[in-house]
Amino acid sequence: MIEILFFLSAFLAGVLGTIAGFGSSTIFLPLALFFVDFKTALTLVACFHVFGNLSRMTLFRQGMDRKLILLFGIPSVILTIVGAFLVNSITQSLLKFILGLFLFAFSILSMVKLGFKARPSNSNVIIGGSMSGFLAGLIGTGGALRGAFLTAFSLPKEVYIATSAAIALVVDITRIPIYLTSGFLEQQWYWYLPIMAVIAVLSSYIGKKIVDKIPQQSFKKGVLLMILGISIKFLYDGLSTF
């Protein structure tokens, strides 16, 4: 039963992440933590993210902004490595608290100023790449922050999704080997991976089909409220352990 709920959470996160535009990991990681420990969730969600981003790059293959991929991707990769290696040095309760704090700040800021984005400059792209990469390596979710910087460039929707997916794919390919060599994923979880690959492709496809049929502002507010609720629980759990 737990496995079914876990896979349903993955499917829901894949669909919502594709529609909302800030990535499935922002939604799936906090949901996965209801079923598995932080390090296992970090690795499983990263693998799911790879499958999902490969699907998005295929489905939204109208074009990618290669300059943004390089400017954003290089600092993202470097700081992802730093963040991923720090995971073993921090307690899981503190990591969960940091995740809750990030999700709380992101959801509040996004609801107060829906459509928040940074100024379109090369320096901001490098800063955004560094910050989102570090968070992706440490707490498994940098897509929301990445989106705030990439949307500043007013890319066409298809180009934005493909460009963001390409950057996220490079980040995931960088951090997953570090997680695996650090022993974050035990062999008992390996059978989840092929099922998650199918779910990632299916959820991305369904998300693409309905992305233009749902009022974006109202939909994003609903997703952000869900993230806010989960973040409050993580903050409470984290504070109770200090």
C-alpha atoms as a PDB file:
ATOM      1  CA  MET A   1       0.000   0.000   0.000  1.00  0.00           C
ATOM      2  CA  ILE A   2       2.834   2.375   0.889  1.00  0.00           C
ATOM      3  CA  GLU A   3       4.498   1.684  -2.460  1.00  0.00           C
ATOM      4  CA  ILE A   4       1.275   2.540  -4.314  1.00  0.00           C
ATOM      5  CA  LEU A   5       0.937   5.826  -2.421  1.00  0.00           C
ATOM      6  CA  PHE A   6       4.572   6.637  -3.150  1.00  0.00           C
ATOM      7  CA  PHE A   7       4.110   6.062  -6.889  1.00  0.00           C
ATOM      8  CA  LEU A   8       0.853   8.034  -6.907  1.00  0.00           C
ATOM      9  CA  SER A   9       2.733  10.902  -5.251  1.00  0.00           C
ATOM     10  CA  ALA A  10       5.373  10.696  -7.982  1.00  0.00           C
ATOM     11  CA  PHE A  11       2.703  10.828 -10.689  1.00  0.00           C
ATOM     12  CA  LEU A  12       0.935  13.772  -9.043  1.00  0.00           C
ATOM     13  CA  ALA A  13       4.224  15.655  -8.641  1.00  0.00           C
ATOM     14  CA  GLY A  14       5.157  15.025 -12.277  1.00  0.00           C
ATOM     15  CA  VAL A  15       1.859  16.369 -13.605  1.00  0.00           C
ATOM     16  CA  LEU A  16       1.702  19.358 -11.248  1.00  0.00           C
ATOM     17  CA  GLY A  17       5.375  20.208 -11.752  1.00  0.00           C
ATOM     18  CA  THR A  18       5.017  20.222 -15.535  1.00  0.00           C
ATOM     19  CA  ILE A  19       1.926  22.452 -15.413  1.00  0.00           C
ATOM     20  CA  ALA A  20       3.133  24.822 -12.697  1.00  0.00           C
ATOM     21  CA  GLY A  21       6.547  25.207 -14.317  1.00  0.00           C
ATOM     22  CA  PHE A  22       8.744  25.006 -11.222  1.00  0.00           C
ATOM     23  CA  GLY A  23       9.699  21.358 -11.443  1.00  0.00           C
ATOM     24  CA  SER A  24       8.498  18.074 -10.010  1.00  0.00           C
ATOM     25  CA  SER A  25      11.156  17.824  -7.277  1.00  0.00           C
ATOM     26  CA  THR A  26       9.781  20.868  -5.424  1.00  0.00           C
ATOM     27  CA  ILE A  27       6.525  18.940  -5.038  1.00  0.00           C
ATOM     28  CA  PHE A  28       7.737  15.333  -4.978  1.00  0.00           C
ATOM     29  CA  LEU A  29      10.564  15.588  -2.426  1.00  0.00           C
ATOM     30  CA  PRO A  30       8.371  16.784   0.455  1.00  0.00           C
ATOM     31  CA  LEU A  31       5.764  14.148  -0.468  1.00  0.00           C
ATOM     32  CA  ALA A  32       8.410  11.391  -0.645  1.00  0.00           C
ATOM     33  CA  LEU A  33       9.548  12.248   2.885  1.00  0.00           C
ATOM     34  CA  PHE A  34       6.241  10.926   4.190  1.00  0.00           C
ATOM     35  CA  PHE A  35       7.324   7.459   3.021  1.00  0.00           C
ATOM     36  CA  VAL A  36      11.147   7.237   3.167  1.00  0.00           C
ATOM     37  CA  ASP A  37      14.080   8.856   4.989  1.00  0.00           C
ATOM     38  CA  PHE A  38      15.712  12.038   3.691  1.00  0.00           C
ATOM     39  CA  LYS A  39      18.736  10.496   1.940  1.00  0.00           C
ATOM     40  CA  THR A  40      16.652   7.822   0.215  1.00  0.00           C
ATOM     41  CA  ALA A  41      14.116  10.444  -0.867  1.00  0.00           C
ATOM     42  CA  LEU A  42      16.904  12.702  -2.111  1.00  0.00           C
ATOM     43  CA  THR A  43      18.255   9.967  -4.395  1.00  0.00           C
ATOM     44  CA  LEU A  44      14.924   8.563  -5.614  1.00  0.00           C
ATOM     45  CA  VAL A  45      13.581  12.036  -6.424  1.00  0.00           C
ATOM     46  CA  ALA A  46      16.801  12.923  -8.255  1.00  0.00           C
ATOM     47  CA  CYS A  47      16.408   9.805 -10.433  1.00  0.00           C
ATOM     48  CA  PHE A  48      12.743  10.601 -11.041  1.00  0.00           C
ATOM     49  CA  HIS A  49      13.788  14.131 -11.975  1.00  0.00           C
ATOM     50  CA  VAL A  50      16.196  12.755 -14.599  1.00  0.00           C
ATOM     51  CA  PHE A  51      13.434  10.700 -16.225  1.00  0.00           C
ATOM     52  CA  GLY A  52      11.031  13.643 -16.130  1.00  0.00           C
ATOM     53  CA  ASN A  53      13.490  16.130 -17.608  1.00  0.00           C
ATOM     54  CA  LEU A  54      14.438  13.765 -20.419  1.00  0.00           C
ATOM     55  CA  SER A  55      10.716  13.537 -21.208  1.00  0.00           C
ATOM     56  CA  ARG A  56      10.258  17.319 -21.114  1.00  0.00           C
ATOM     57  CA  MET A  57      13.264  17.885 -23.358  1.00  0.00           C
ATOM     58  CA  THR A  58      11.691  15.476 -25.853  1.00  0.00           C
ATOM     59  CA  LEU A  59       8.148  16.819 -25.590  1.00  0.00           C
ATOM     60  CA  PHE A  60       9.200  20.492 -25.691  1.00  0.00           C
ATOM     61  CA  ARG A  61      12.009  20.142 -28.205  1.00  0.00           C
ATOM     62  CA  GLN A  62      11.158  23.311 -30.157  1.00  0.00           C
ATOM     63  CA  GLY A  63      14.393  24.841 -28.974  1.00  0.00           C
ATOM     64  CA  MET A  64      16.752  25.551 -26.100  1.00  0.00           C
ATOM     65  CA  ASP A  65      18.696  28.680 -25.196  1.00  0.00           C
ATOM     66  CA  ARG A  66      22.253  27.325 -25.262  1.00  0.00           C
ATOM     67  CA  LYS A  67      23.800  30.515 -23.867  1.00  0.00           C
ATOM     68  CA  LEU A  68      21.564  30.372 -20.797  1.00  0.00           C
ATOM     69  CA  ILE A  69      22.279  26.663 -20.384  1.00  0.00           C
ATOM     70  CA  LEU A  70      26.020  27.376 -20.233  1.00  0.00           C
ATOM     71  CA  LEU A  71      25.830  30.499 -18.043  1.00  0.00           C
ATOM     72  CA  PHE A  72      23.387  28.890 -15.640  1.00  0.00           C
ATOM     73  CA  GLY A  73      24.588  25.313 -15.910  1.00  0.00           C
ATOM     74  CA  ILE A  74      28.311  25.682 -15.169  1.00  0.00           C
ATOM     75  CA  PRO A  75      27.938  27.375 -11.746  1.00  0.00           C
ATOM     76  CA  SER A  76      24.999  25.060 -11.013  1.00  0.00           C
ATOM     77  CA  VAL A  77      27.154  21.981 -11.508  1.00  0.00           C
ATOM     78  CA  ILE A  78      30.030  23.318  -9.399  1.00  0.00           C
ATOM     79  CA  LEU A  79      27.798  24.274  -6.457  1.00  0.00           C
ATOM     80  CA  THR A  80      25.734  21.085  -6.796  1.00  0.00           C
ATOM     81  CA  ILE A  81      28.874  19.096  -6.040  1.00  0.00           C
ATOM     82  CA  VAL A  82      29.513  21.218  -2.937  1.00  0.00           C
ATOM     83  CA  GLY A  83      25.925  20.818  -1.714  1.00  0.00           C
ATOM     84  CA  ALA A  84      25.815  17.064  -2.356  1.00  0.00           C
ATOM     85  CA  PHE A  85      29.020  16.424  -0.413  1.00  0.00           C
ATOM     86  CA  LEU A  86      27.667  18.432   2.543  1.00  0.00           C
ATOM     87  CA  VAL A  87      24.628  16.162   2.979  1.00  0.00           C
ATOM     88  CA  ASN A  88      26.592  13.618   5.033  1.00  0.00           C
ATOM     89  CA  SER A  89      27.829  16.362   7.357  1.00  0.00           C
ATOM     90  CA  ILE A  90      24.345  17.553   8.378  1.00  0.00           C
ATOM     91  CA  THR A  91      21.732  15.695  10.399  1.00  0.00           C
ATOM     92  CA  GLN A  92      18.588  14.600   8.574  1.00  0.00           C
ATOM     93  CA  SER A  93      16.386  16.598  10.945  1.00  0.00           C
ATOM     94  CA  LEU A  94      18.330  19.761  10.125  1.00  0.00           C
ATOM     95  CA  LEU A  95      18.174  18.993   6.384  1.00  0.00           C
ATOM     96  CA  LYS A  96      14.407  18.563   6.692  1.00  0.00           C
ATOM     97  CA  PHE A  97      14.191  21.876   8.555  1.00  0.00           C
ATOM     98  CA  ILE A  98      16.261  23.641   5.858  1.00  0.00           C
ATOM     99  CA  LEU A  99      13.974  22.174   3.188  1.00  0.00           C
ATOM    100  CA  GLY A 100      10.914  23.360   5.117  1.00  0.00           C
ATOM    101  CA  LEU A 101      12.394  26.834   5.497  1.00  0.00           C
ATOM    102  CA  PHE A 102      13.142  27.073   1.774  1.00  0.00           C
ATOM    103  CA  LEU A 103       9.686  25.831   0.750  1.00  0.00           C
ATOM    104  CA  PHE A 104       8.006  28.178   3.236  1.00  0.00           C
ATOM    105  CA  ALA A 105       9.922  31.228   1.947  1.00  0.00           C
ATOM    106  CA  PHE A 106       9.361  30.237  -1.688  1.00  0.00           C
ATOM    107  CA  SER A 107       5.615  29.673  -1.331  1.00  0.00           C
ATOM    108  CA  ILE A 108       5.012  32.869   0.672  1.00  0.00           C
ATOM    109  CA  LEU A 109       7.084  35.029  -1.671  1.00  0.00           C
ATOM    110  CA  SER A 110       5.428  33.518  -4.737  1.00  0.00           C
ATOM    111  CA  MET A 111       1.911  34.059  -3.389  1.00  0.00           C
ATOM    112  CA  VAL A 112       2.582  37.606  -2.230  1.00  0.00           C
ATOM    113  CA  LYS A 113       4.277  38.473  -5.495  1.00  0.00           C
ATOM    114  CA  LEU A 114       3.015  35.881  -7.969  1.00  0.00           C
ATOM    115  CA  GLY A 115       5.292  35.798 -10.981  1.00  0.00           C
ATOM    116  CA  PHE A 116       8.333  36.983  -8.991  1.00  0.00           C
ATOM    117  CA  LYS A 117      11.464  37.008 -11.107  1.00  0.00           C
ATOM    118  CA  ALA A 118      14.985  38.394 -11.050  1.00  0.00           C
ATOM    119  CA  ARG A 119      16.393  41.019 -13.409  1.00  0.00           C
ATOM    120  CA  PRO A 120      17.670  39.606 -16.746  1.00  0.00           C
ATOM    121  CA  SER A 121      21.457  39.952 -16.510  1.00  0.00           C
ATOM    122  CA  ASN A 122      24.419  37.607 -16.888  1.00  0.00           C
ATOM    123  CA  SER A 123      25.500  38.221 -13.293  1.00  0.00           C
ATOM    124  CA  ASN A 124      22.065  37.255 -12.002  1.00  0.00           C
ATOM    125  CA  VAL A 125      22.103  34.104 -14.136  1.00  0.00           C
ATOM    126  CA  ILE A 126      25.424  33.069 -12.570  1.00  0.00           C
ATOM    127  CA  ILE A 127      24.145  33.881  -9.069  1.00  0.00           C
ATOM    128  CA  GLY A 128      20.922  32.006  -9.737  1.00  0.00           C
ATOM    129  CA  GLY A 129      22.796  29.020 -11.122  1.00  0.00           C
ATOM    130  CA  SER A 130      25.069  28.903  -8.078  1.00  0.00           C
ATOM    131  CA  MET A 131      22.256  29.204  -5.528  1.00  0.00           C
ATOM    132  CA  SER A 132      19.894  26.756  -7.217  1.00  0.00           C
ATOM    133  CA  GLY A 133      22.708  24.257  -7.798  1.00  0.00           C
ATOM    134  CA  PHE A 134      23.775  24.356  -4.149  1.00  0.00           C
ATOM    135  CA  LEU A 135      20.197  23.833  -2.959  1.00  0.00           C
ATOM    136  CA  ALA A 136      19.665  21.013  -5.463  1.00  0.00           C
ATOM    137  CA  GLY A 137      22.723  19.193  -4.140  1.00  0.00           C
ATOM    138  CA  LEU A 138      21.934  19.803  -0.467  1.00  0.00           C
ATOM    139  CA  ILE A 139      18.140  19.513  -0.182  1.00  0.00           C
ATOM    140  CA  GLY A 140      17.193  18.166  -3.610  1.00  0.00           C
ATOM    141  CA  THR A 141      15.174  21.089  -4.914  1.00  0.00           C
ATOM    142  CA  GLY A 142      16.538  24.053  -6.816  1.00  0.00           C
ATOM    143  CA  GLY A 143      13.975  24.222  -9.610  1.00  0.00           C
ATOM    144  CA  ALA A 144      11.822  26.879  -7.961  1.00  0.00           C
ATOM    145  CA  LEU A 145      14.769  29.232  -7.580  1.00  0.00           C
ATOM    146  CA  ARG A 146      15.998  28.400 -11.085  1.00  0.00           C
ATOM    147  CA  GLY A 147      12.589  29.343 -12.462  1.00  0.00           C
ATOM    148  CA  ALA A 148      12.647  32.750 -10.753  1.00  0.00           C
ATOM    149  CA  PHE A 149      15.855  33.604 -12.616  1.00  0.00           C
ATOM    150  CA  LEU A 150      15.058  32.006 -15.991  1.00  0.00           C
ATOM    151  CA  THR A 151      11.621  33.608 -16.319  1.00  0.00           C
ATOM    152  CA  ALA A 152      13.321  37.020 -16.293  1.00  0.00           C
ATOM    153  CA  PHE A 153      14.377  36.387 -19.894  1.00  0.00           C
ATOM    154  CA  SER A 154      10.772  36.063 -21.142  1.00  0.00           C
ATOM    155  CA  LEU A 155      11.474  32.886 -23.078  1.00  0.00           C
ATOM    156  CA  PRO A 156       8.646  31.261 -25.041  1.00  0.00           C
ATOM    157  CA  LYS A 157       6.989  28.604 -22.871  1.00  0.00           C
ATOM    158  CA  GLU A 158       8.377  25.673 -24.856  1.00  0.00           C
ATOM    159  CA  VAL A 159      11.916  27.126 -24.888  1.00  0.00           C
ATOM    160  CA  TYR A 160      11.741  27.880 -21.159  1.00  0.00           C
ATOM    161  CA  ILE A 161      10.647  24.334 -20.275  1.00  0.00           C
ATOM    162  CA  ALA A 162      13.286  22.730 -22.513  1.00  0.00           C
ATOM    163  CA  THR A 163      16.069  25.047 -21.274  1.00  0.00           C
ATOM    164  CA  SER A 164      15.152  24.536 -17.618  1.00  0.00           C
ATOM    165  CA  ALA A 165      14.935  20.767 -18.148  1.00  0.00           C
ATOM    166  CA  ALA A 166      18.379  20.681 -19.790  1.00  0.00           C
ATOM    167  CA  ILE A 167      19.975  22.561 -16.871  1.00  0.00           C
ATOM    168  CA  ALA A 168      18.193  20.367 -14.329  1.00  0.00           C
ATOM    169  CA  LEU A 169      19.323  17.231 -16.172  1.00  0.00           C
ATOM    170  CA  VAL A 170      22.985  18.259 -15.954  1.00  0.00           C
ATOM    171  CA  VAL A 171      22.562  19.026 -12.239  1.00  0.00           C
ATOM    172  CA  ASP A 172      20.914  15.657 -11.581  1.00  0.00           C
ATOM    173  CA  ILE A 173      23.563  13.727 -13.507  1.00  0.00           C
ATOM    174  CA  THR A 174      26.149  15.511 -11.350  1.00  0.00           C
ATOM    175  CA  ARG A 175      24.589  14.828  -7.949  1.00  0.00           C
ATOM    176  CA  ILE A 176      23.240  11.289  -8.375  1.00  0.00           C
ATOM    177  CA  PRO A 177      26.688   9.578  -8.521  1.00  0.00           C
ATOM    178  CA  ILE A 178      27.664  11.418  -5.319  1.00  0.00           C
ATOM    179  CA  TYR A 179      24.508  10.207  -3.579  1.00  0.00           C
ATOM    180  CA  LEU A 180      25.028   6.636  -4.774  1.00  0.00           C
ATOM    181  CA  THR A 181      28.717   6.438  -3.827  1.00  0.00           C
ATOM    182  CA  SER A 182      27.804   7.912  -0.431  1.00  0.00           C
ATOM    183  CA  GLY A 183      25.418   4.995   0.117  1.00  0.00           C
ATOM    184  CA  PHE A 184      22.196   7.012   0.157  1.00  0.00           C
ATOM    185  CA  LEU A 185      20.199   4.406  -1.801  1.00  0.00           C
ATOM    186  CA  GLU A 186      20.125   0.804  -0.588  1.00  0.00           C
ATOM    187  CA  GLN A 187      19.524  -2.027  -3.058  1.00  0.00           C
ATOM    188  CA  GLN A 188      16.003  -2.653  -1.722  1.00  0.00           C
ATOM    189  CA  TRP A 189      14.885   0.554  -3.478  1.00  0.00           C
ATOM    190  CA  TYR A 190      16.361  -0.177  -6.904  1.00  0.00           C
ATOM    191  CA  TRP A 191      13.189  -1.843  -8.207  1.00  0.00           C
ATOM    192  CA  TYR A 192      11.424   1.516  -7.803  1.00  0.00           C
ATOM    193  CA  LEU A 193      13.527   3.093 -10.561  1.00  0.00           C
ATOM    194  CA  PRO A 194      12.024   1.484 -13.729  1.00  0.00           C
ATOM    195  CA  ILE A 195       8.496   2.139 -12.427  1.00  0.00           C
ATOM    196  CA  MET A 196       9.403   5.746 -11.700  1.00  0.00           C
ATOM    197  CA  ALA A 197      10.820   6.099 -15.213  1.00  0.00           C
ATOM    198  CA  VAL A 198       7.447   5.096 -16.698  1.00  0.00           C
ATOM    199  CA  ILE A 199       5.591   7.409 -14.296  1.00  0.00           C
ATOM    200  CA  ALA A 200       7.892  10.325 -15.161  1.00  0.00           C
ATOM    201  CA  VAL A 201       7.257   9.963 -18.897  1.00  0.00           C
ATOM    202  CA  LEU A 202       3.507   9.496 -18.453  1.00  0.00           C
ATOM    203  CA  SER A 203       3.081  12.398 -16.021  1.00  0.00           C
ATOM    204  CA  SER A 204       5.113  14.764 -18.224  1.00  0.00           C
ATOM    205  CA  TYR A 205       3.001  13.796 -21.242  1.00  0.00           C
ATOM    206  CA  ILE A 206      -0.271  14.353 -19.375  1.00  0.00           C
ATOM    207  CA  GLY A 207       1.028  17.624 -17.935  1.00  0.00           C
ATOM    208  CA  LYS A 208       1.894  18.836 -21.441  1.00  0.00           C
ATOM    209  CA  LYS A 209      -1.601  17.957 -22.668  1.00  0.00           C
ATOM    210  CA  ILE A 210      -3.338  20.058 -20.041  1.00  0.00           C
ATOM    211  CA  VAL A 211      -0.787  22.852 -19.517  1.00  0.00           C
ATOM    212  CA  ASP A 212      -2.776  25.315 -21.663  1.00  0.00           C
ATOM    213  CA  LYS A 213      -6.218  24.243 -20.439  1.00  0.00           C
ATOM    214  CA  ILE A 214      -5.934  25.358 -16.809  1.00  0.00           C
ATOM    215  CA  PRO A 215      -5.871  28.987 -15.565  1.00  0.00           C
ATOM    216  CA  GLN A 216      -2.215  29.316 -14.595  1.00  0.00           C
ATOM    217  CA  GLN A 217      -2.519  31.871 -11.782  1.00  0.00           C
ATOM    218  CA  SER A 218      -5.248  30.032  -9.882  1.00  0.00           C
ATOM    219  CA  PHE A 219      -3.532  26.691 -10.419  1.00  0.00           C
ATOM    220  CA  LYS A 220      -0.163  27.946  -9.147  1.00  0.00           C
ATOM    221  CA  LYS A 221      -1.772  29.446  -6.054  1.00  0.00           C
ATOM    222  CA  GLY A 222      -3.326  26.071  -5.237  1.00  0.00           C
ATOM    223  CA  VAL A 223      -0.020  24.241  -5.628  1.00  0.00           C
ATOM    224  CA  LEU A 224       1.785  26.896  -3.567  1.00  0.00           C
ATOM    225  CA  LEU A 225      -0.754  26.512  -0.752  1.00  0.00           C
ATOM    226  CA  MET A 226      -0.073  22.772  -0.727  1.00  0.00           C
ATOM    227  CA  ILE A 227       3.693  23.390  -0.567  1.00  0.00           C
ATOM    228  CA  LEU A 228       3.166  25.941   2.213  1.00  0.00           C
ATOM    229  CA  GLY A 229       1.223  23.435   4.305  1.00  0.00           C
ATOM    230  CA  ILE A 230       3.918  20.773   3.922  1.00  0.00           C
ATOM    231  CA  SER A 231       6.688  23.268   4.714  1.00  0.00           C
ATOM    232  CA  ILE A 232       5.005  24.228   8.002  1.00  0.00           C
ATOM    233  CA  LYS A 233       4.956  20.561   9.041  1.00  0.00           C
ATOM    234  CA  PHE A 234       8.661  20.190   8.247  1.00  0.00           C
ATOM    235  CA  LEU A 235       9.499  23.366  10.182  1.00  0.00           C
ATOM    236  CA  TYR A 236       7.517  22.092  13.176  1.00  0.00           C
ATOM    237  CA  ASP A 237       9.187  18.660  13.016  1.00  0.00           C
ATOM    238  CA  GLY A 238      12.610  20.280  12.710  1.00  0.00           C
ATOM    239  CA  LEU A 239      12.090  22.672  15.624  1.00  0.00           C
ATOM    240  CA  SER A 240      10.862  19.853  17.859  1.00  0.00           C
ATOM    241  CA  THR A 241      14.211  18.052  17.460  1.00  0.00           C
ATOM    242  CA  PHE A 242      16.382  21.026  18.452  1.00  0.00           C
END
